Protein backbone atom coordinates (compact mmCIF):
# COMPACT_ATOMS: atom_id res chain seq x y z
CA MET A 1 -133.79 115.81 230.86
CA LEU A 2 -136.91 117.22 228.90
CA ALA A 3 -137.38 117.11 225.59
CA VAL A 4 -139.21 120.15 223.61
CA ARG A 5 -141.03 119.15 219.76
CA ALA A 6 -141.90 121.78 217.70
CA ARG A 7 -145.83 122.09 217.54
CA GLN A 8 -147.18 121.64 214.23
CA ASP A 9 -149.82 124.13 214.80
CA VAL A 10 -147.54 126.74 215.18
CA PRO A 11 -146.59 128.85 212.21
CA MET A 12 -143.14 129.74 211.66
CA LEU A 13 -141.72 133.25 212.24
CA THR A 14 -141.66 135.42 208.87
CA LYS A 15 -139.26 138.21 208.02
CA VAL A 16 -139.96 141.05 208.01
CA ILE A 17 -139.03 143.89 205.71
CA MET A 18 -139.84 147.62 206.45
CA PHE A 19 -137.72 149.06 203.31
CA ILE A 20 -137.67 148.93 199.38
CA LYS A 21 -134.49 149.34 197.76
CA LEU A 22 -134.93 151.16 194.62
CA THR A 23 -132.26 153.08 192.78
CA ASN A 24 -132.26 157.11 192.33
CA ALA A 25 -133.30 158.68 188.96
CA SER A 26 -132.60 161.88 189.11
CA PRO A 27 -129.78 163.29 187.34
CA VAL A 28 -127.94 164.73 190.56
CA HIS A 29 -127.94 161.48 192.39
CA ARG A 30 -128.14 159.05 189.28
CA GLY A 31 -127.77 155.29 190.30
CA LYS A 32 -127.22 155.53 193.73
CA ALA A 33 -129.05 153.28 196.46
CA ILE A 34 -132.03 154.32 197.91
CA ALA A 35 -133.76 152.66 200.92
CA ILE A 36 -137.60 153.84 201.86
CA LYS A 37 -139.49 152.40 204.86
CA LYS A 38 -142.50 151.25 204.03
CA ASP A 39 -145.17 152.90 206.47
CA LEU A 40 -143.75 155.87 205.31
CA ILE A 41 -144.55 155.57 201.80
CA VAL A 42 -147.93 157.36 200.62
CA SER A 43 -148.75 157.52 196.94
CA VAL A 44 -146.19 155.89 193.92
CA TYR A 45 -147.43 156.43 189.80
CA ARG A 46 -145.89 156.69 186.93
CA ASN A 47 -144.54 159.60 185.36
CA ALA A 48 -142.94 160.91 181.69
CA ILE A 49 -140.83 163.95 182.80
CA VAL A 50 -138.38 166.64 180.63
CA ARG A 51 -135.36 166.95 181.26
CA ASP A 52 -133.19 169.92 181.57
CA ASP A 53 -131.27 168.60 178.27
CA GLY A 54 -134.41 168.18 176.44
CA LEU A 55 -134.94 164.36 176.95
CA VAL A 56 -138.20 163.12 177.49
CA GLU A 57 -137.51 159.80 180.66
CA GLU A 58 -140.11 157.44 182.42
CA VAL A 59 -139.69 157.34 185.98
CA THR A 60 -141.73 156.33 188.68
CA HIS A 61 -142.31 158.26 191.81
CA VAL A 62 -142.10 157.56 195.60
CA PHE A 63 -144.04 160.08 197.21
CA VAL A 64 -142.58 160.24 201.29
CA PRO A 65 -144.30 162.78 203.11
CA PRO A 66 -142.45 165.50 204.51
CA HIS A 67 -139.23 164.46 202.77
CA GLY A 68 -140.47 164.21 199.05
CA THR A 69 -140.45 162.54 195.84
CA TRP A 70 -138.39 160.31 195.29
CA GLU A 71 -137.95 159.90 191.23
CA VAL A 72 -136.26 155.92 190.87
CA GLN A 73 -135.50 154.31 187.82
CA GLU A 74 -137.83 150.18 188.93
CA PRO A 75 -140.63 150.32 187.16
CA TYR A 76 -143.76 151.09 188.54
CA ASP A 77 -145.31 147.22 189.01
CA ASP A 78 -141.40 146.22 190.91
CA VAL A 79 -142.01 149.16 193.70
CA LEU A 80 -145.15 147.55 194.58
CA ALA A 81 -143.85 144.47 194.59
CA GLN A 82 -141.65 145.73 197.19
CA LEU A 83 -144.27 147.01 199.27
CA MET A 84 -146.77 144.04 199.09
């Protein structure tokens, strides 16, 4: 029987996460989970928007062409951390 030893100079494989998980902030779908493929995201920015009822809300926008821009509840820094 041949014994196989792990080589010390070979790095361990790491799990590649292809999606980020966010929470929808648009009034119609508020609170619903969104999974967006990382390599499709073009830009992320924070913005104050005025809702139809006059309420001003801070949301993070995630631009994913050609699908559009998602409004999410997570802070800008949290979204960027998931993309790293």
